[in-house]
Amino acid sequence: MSGRQRLVTGLTGLAVAVLAGVFCLLSWDRANQVAGIVSALVGVVALGTGALALVSGREGAVRVANTGPATAVGAGSHANSGLTAQRIVHGGMEINGTAEARAEDGGRANTGYDQL
């Protein structure tokens, strides 16, 4: 788990604990009102976060460098010491320093970018 993931998990746990404590101190009617307001705010924040991720300029660039050798043996086998993807990466690709890729007995080999 990365540092950011730990931070988000910890803050989420803290928020749940604080809200549980607040709800225990309030009457049922008042706790219901607070829960409705908190739910609405969290929903708007989640919607905004999702929209921000969609329009963000950082689209997930891929960098592949200094890979090891790859060997494919047999018909239908595939060796790639670079990048294999189902579609073009929109954030950009940088592929350099790839090692040798070999194919034997009807296999396929590639050292750069290979689209499936």
C-alpha atoms as a PDB file:
ATOM      1  CA  MET A   1       0.000   0.000   0.000  1.00  0.00           C
ATOM      2  CA  SER A   2       1.426   3.375  -0.977  1.00  0.00           C
ATOM      3  CA  GLY A   3       1.724   6.364   1.347  1.00  0.00           C
ATOM      4  CA  ARG A   4      -1.245   8.106  -0.248  1.00  0.00           C
ATOM      5  CA  GLN A   5      -3.404   5.000   0.083  1.00  0.00           C
ATOM      6  CA  ARG A   6      -2.486   4.696   3.769  1.00  0.00           C
ATOM      7  CA  LEU A   7      -3.295   8.375   4.293  1.00  0.00           C
ATOM      8  CA  VAL A   8      -6.699   8.098   2.616  1.00  0.00           C
ATOM      9  CA  THR A   9      -7.507   4.895   4.514  1.00  0.00           C
ATOM     10  CA  GLY A  10      -6.500   6.472   7.829  1.00  0.00           C
ATOM     11  CA  LEU A  11      -8.472   9.666   7.207  1.00  0.00           C
ATOM     12  CA  THR A  12     -11.516   7.661   6.161  1.00  0.00           C
ATOM     13  CA  GLY A  13     -11.326   5.571   9.320  1.00  0.00           C
ATOM     14  CA  LEU A  14     -10.948   8.708  11.426  1.00  0.00           C
ATOM     15  CA  ALA A  15     -13.969  10.333   9.744  1.00  0.00           C
ATOM     16  CA  VAL A  16     -16.082   7.217  10.376  1.00  0.00           C
ATOM     17  CA  ALA A  17     -15.037   7.149  14.039  1.00  0.00           C
ATOM     18  CA  VAL A  18     -15.821  10.856  14.518  1.00  0.00           C
ATOM     19  CA  LEU A  19     -19.213  10.538  12.842  1.00  0.00           C
ATOM     20  CA  ALA A  20     -20.062   7.444  14.923  1.00  0.00           C
ATOM     21  CA  GLY A  21     -19.200   9.381  18.084  1.00  0.00           C
ATOM     22  CA  VAL A  22     -21.286  12.371  17.008  1.00  0.00           C
ATOM     23  CA  PHE A  23     -24.260  10.153  16.151  1.00  0.00           C
ATOM     24  CA  CYS A  24     -24.062   8.466  19.584  1.00  0.00           C
ATOM     25  CA  LEU A  25     -24.267  11.839  21.325  1.00  0.00           C
ATOM     26  CA  LEU A  26     -27.257  13.121  19.338  1.00  0.00           C
ATOM     27  CA  SER A  27     -30.905  12.180  19.510  1.00  0.00           C
ATOM     28  CA  TRP A  28     -32.222   9.924  16.746  1.00  0.00           C
ATOM     29  CA  ASP A  29     -33.966  12.769  14.932  1.00  0.00           C
ATOM     30  CA  ARG A  30     -30.960  15.065  15.063  1.00  0.00           C
ATOM     31  CA  ALA A  31     -28.564  12.220  14.076  1.00  0.00           C
ATOM     32  CA  ASN A  32     -30.808  11.493  11.084  1.00  0.00           C
ATOM     33  CA  GLN A  33     -30.582  15.123   9.956  1.00  0.00           C
ATOM     34  CA  VAL A  34     -26.800  15.212  10.338  1.00  0.00           C
ATOM     35  CA  ALA A  35     -26.442  11.899   8.481  1.00  0.00           C
ATOM     36  CA  GLY A  36     -28.518  13.236   5.568  1.00  0.00           C
ATOM     37  CA  ILE A  37     -26.397  16.376   5.285  1.00  0.00           C
ATOM     38  CA  VAL A  38     -23.122  14.433   5.520  1.00  0.00           C
ATOM     39  CA  SER A  39     -24.339  11.956   2.861  1.00  0.00           C
ATOM     40  CA  ALA A  40     -25.250  14.778   0.482  1.00  0.00           C
ATOM     41  CA  LEU A  41     -21.871  16.462   0.946  1.00  0.00           C
ATOM     42  CA  VAL A  42     -19.940  13.221   0.465  1.00  0.00           C
ATOM     43  CA  GLY A  43     -21.939  12.498  -2.703  1.00  0.00           C
ATOM     44  CA  VAL A  44     -21.113  15.910  -4.184  1.00  0.00           C
ATOM     45  CA  VAL A  45     -17.422  15.489  -3.306  1.00  0.00           C
ATOM     46  CA  ALA A  46     -17.382  12.026  -4.942  1.00  0.00           C
ATOM     47  CA  LEU A  47     -19.054  13.398  -8.076  1.00  0.00           C
ATOM     48  CA  GLY A  48     -16.567  16.261  -8.270  1.00  0.00           C
ATOM     49  CA  THR A  49     -13.608  13.929  -7.751  1.00  0.00           C
ATOM     50  CA  GLY A  50     -14.797  11.648 -10.542  1.00  0.00           C
ATOM     51  CA  ALA A  51     -15.352  14.571 -12.920  1.00  0.00           C
ATOM     52  CA  LEU A  52     -11.918  15.958 -12.085  1.00  0.00           C
ATOM     53  CA  ALA A  53     -10.322  12.607 -12.886  1.00  0.00           C
ATOM     54  CA  LEU A  54     -12.067  12.569 -16.275  1.00  0.00           C
ATOM     55  CA  VAL A  55     -10.919  16.021 -17.348  1.00  0.00           C
ATOM     56  CA  SER A  56      -7.498  15.937 -15.729  1.00  0.00           C
ATOM     57  CA  GLY A  57      -4.555  16.566 -18.031  1.00  0.00           C
ATOM     58  CA  ARG A  58      -2.640  13.696 -16.472  1.00  0.00           C
ATOM     59  CA  GLU A  59      -3.880  10.724 -18.443  1.00  0.00           C
ATOM     60  CA  GLY A  60      -1.499   8.041 -17.279  1.00  0.00           C
ATOM     61  CA  ALA A  61       1.644   8.165 -19.358  1.00  0.00           C
ATOM     62  CA  VAL A  62       3.503   4.852 -19.638  1.00  0.00           C
ATOM     63  CA  ARG A  63       7.285   4.542 -19.456  1.00  0.00           C
ATOM     64  CA  VAL A  64       9.107   1.305 -20.225  1.00  0.00           C
ATOM     65  CA  ALA A  65      12.889   1.207 -19.876  1.00  0.00           C
ATOM     66  CA  ASN A  66      15.773  -1.211 -19.358  1.00  0.00           C
ATOM     67  CA  THR A  67      13.808  -4.426 -19.770  1.00  0.00           C
ATOM     68  CA  GLY A  68      15.223  -7.920 -19.799  1.00  0.00           C
ATOM     69  CA  PRO A  69      15.342 -10.308 -22.757  1.00  0.00           C
ATOM     70  CA  ALA A  70      12.268 -12.257 -23.861  1.00  0.00           C
ATOM     71  CA  THR A  71      12.000 -15.500 -25.853  1.00  0.00           C
ATOM     72  CA  ALA A  72       8.939 -17.068 -27.471  1.00  0.00           C
ATOM     73  CA  VAL A  73       9.080 -20.738 -28.411  1.00  0.00           C
ATOM     74  CA  GLY A  74       6.348 -22.445 -30.402  1.00  0.00           C
ATOM     75  CA  ALA A  75       3.538 -21.459 -32.713  1.00  0.00           C
ATOM     76  CA  GLY A  76       1.254 -18.807 -31.253  1.00  0.00           C
ATOM     77  CA  SER A  77       3.716 -17.747 -28.563  1.00  0.00           C
ATOM     78  CA  HIS A  78       4.657 -14.098 -28.129  1.00  0.00           C
ATOM     79  CA  ALA A  79       7.735 -12.451 -26.646  1.00  0.00           C
ATOM     80  CA  ASN A  80       7.897  -8.708 -26.013  1.00  0.00           C
ATOM     81  CA  SER A  81      10.570  -6.873 -24.074  1.00  0.00           C
ATOM     82  CA  GLY A  82       8.703  -3.565 -24.485  1.00  0.00           C
ATOM     83  CA  LEU A  83       4.987  -2.802 -24.082  1.00  0.00           C
ATOM     84  CA  THR A  84       1.950  -4.807 -25.191  1.00  0.00           C
ATOM     85  CA  ALA A  85      -1.428  -3.083 -24.878  1.00  0.00           C
ATOM     86  CA  GLN A  86      -4.939  -3.508 -26.233  1.00  0.00           C
ATOM     87  CA  ARG A  87      -5.206   0.147 -27.224  1.00  0.00           C
ATOM     88  CA  ILE A  88      -3.017   3.182 -27.680  1.00  0.00           C
ATOM     89  CA  VAL A  89      -2.053   4.853 -24.405  1.00  0.00           C
ATOM     90  CA  HIS A  90      -3.453   8.410 -24.545  1.00  0.00           C
ATOM     91  CA  GLY A  91      -1.134   9.869 -21.911  1.00  0.00           C
ATOM     92  CA  GLY A  92       1.871   9.081 -24.060  1.00  0.00           C
ATOM     93  CA  MET A  93       4.417   6.309 -24.200  1.00  0.00           C
ATOM     94  CA  GLU A  94       8.161   6.289 -23.766  1.00  0.00           C
ATOM     95  CA  ILE A  95       9.921   3.043 -24.607  1.00  0.00           C
ATOM     96  CA  ASN A  96      13.718   2.859 -24.550  1.00  0.00           C
ATOM     97  CA  GLY A  97      16.475   0.528 -23.462  1.00  0.00           C
ATOM     98  CA  THR A  98      14.531  -2.629 -24.289  1.00  0.00           C
ATOM     99  CA  ALA A  99      16.424  -5.891 -24.509  1.00  0.00           C
ATOM    100  CA  GLU A 100      16.435  -8.504 -27.228  1.00  0.00           C
ATOM    101  CA  ALA A 101      13.213 -10.371 -28.013  1.00  0.00           C
ATOM    102  CA  ARG A 102      13.527 -13.696 -29.847  1.00  0.00           C
ATOM    103  CA  ALA A 103      10.975 -15.971 -31.459  1.00  0.00           C
ATOM    104  CA  GLU A 104      11.548 -19.620 -32.323  1.00  0.00           C
ATOM    105  CA  ASP A 105       9.396 -22.269 -33.991  1.00  0.00           C
ATOM    106  CA  GLY A 106       6.636 -19.942 -35.211  1.00  0.00           C
ATOM    107  CA  GLY A 107       6.545 -17.547 -32.277  1.00  0.00           C
ATOM    108  CA  ARG A 108       6.347 -13.757 -32.465  1.00  0.00           C
ATOM    109  CA  ALA A 109       8.780 -11.232 -30.962  1.00  0.00           C
ATOM    110  CA  ASN A 110       8.825  -7.457 -30.442  1.00  0.00           C
ATOM    111  CA  THR A 111      11.107  -5.084 -28.568  1.00  0.00           C
ATOM    112  CA  GLY A 112       9.026  -1.894 -28.724  1.00  0.00           C
ATOM    113  CA  TYR A 113       5.275  -1.275 -28.685  1.00  0.00           C
ATOM    114  CA  ASP A 114       2.905  -4.032 -29.747  1.00  0.00           C
ATOM    115  CA  GLN A 115      -0.846  -3.494 -29.989  1.00  0.00           C
ATOM    116  CA  LEU A 116      -3.081  -6.540 -29.533  1.00  0.00           C
END
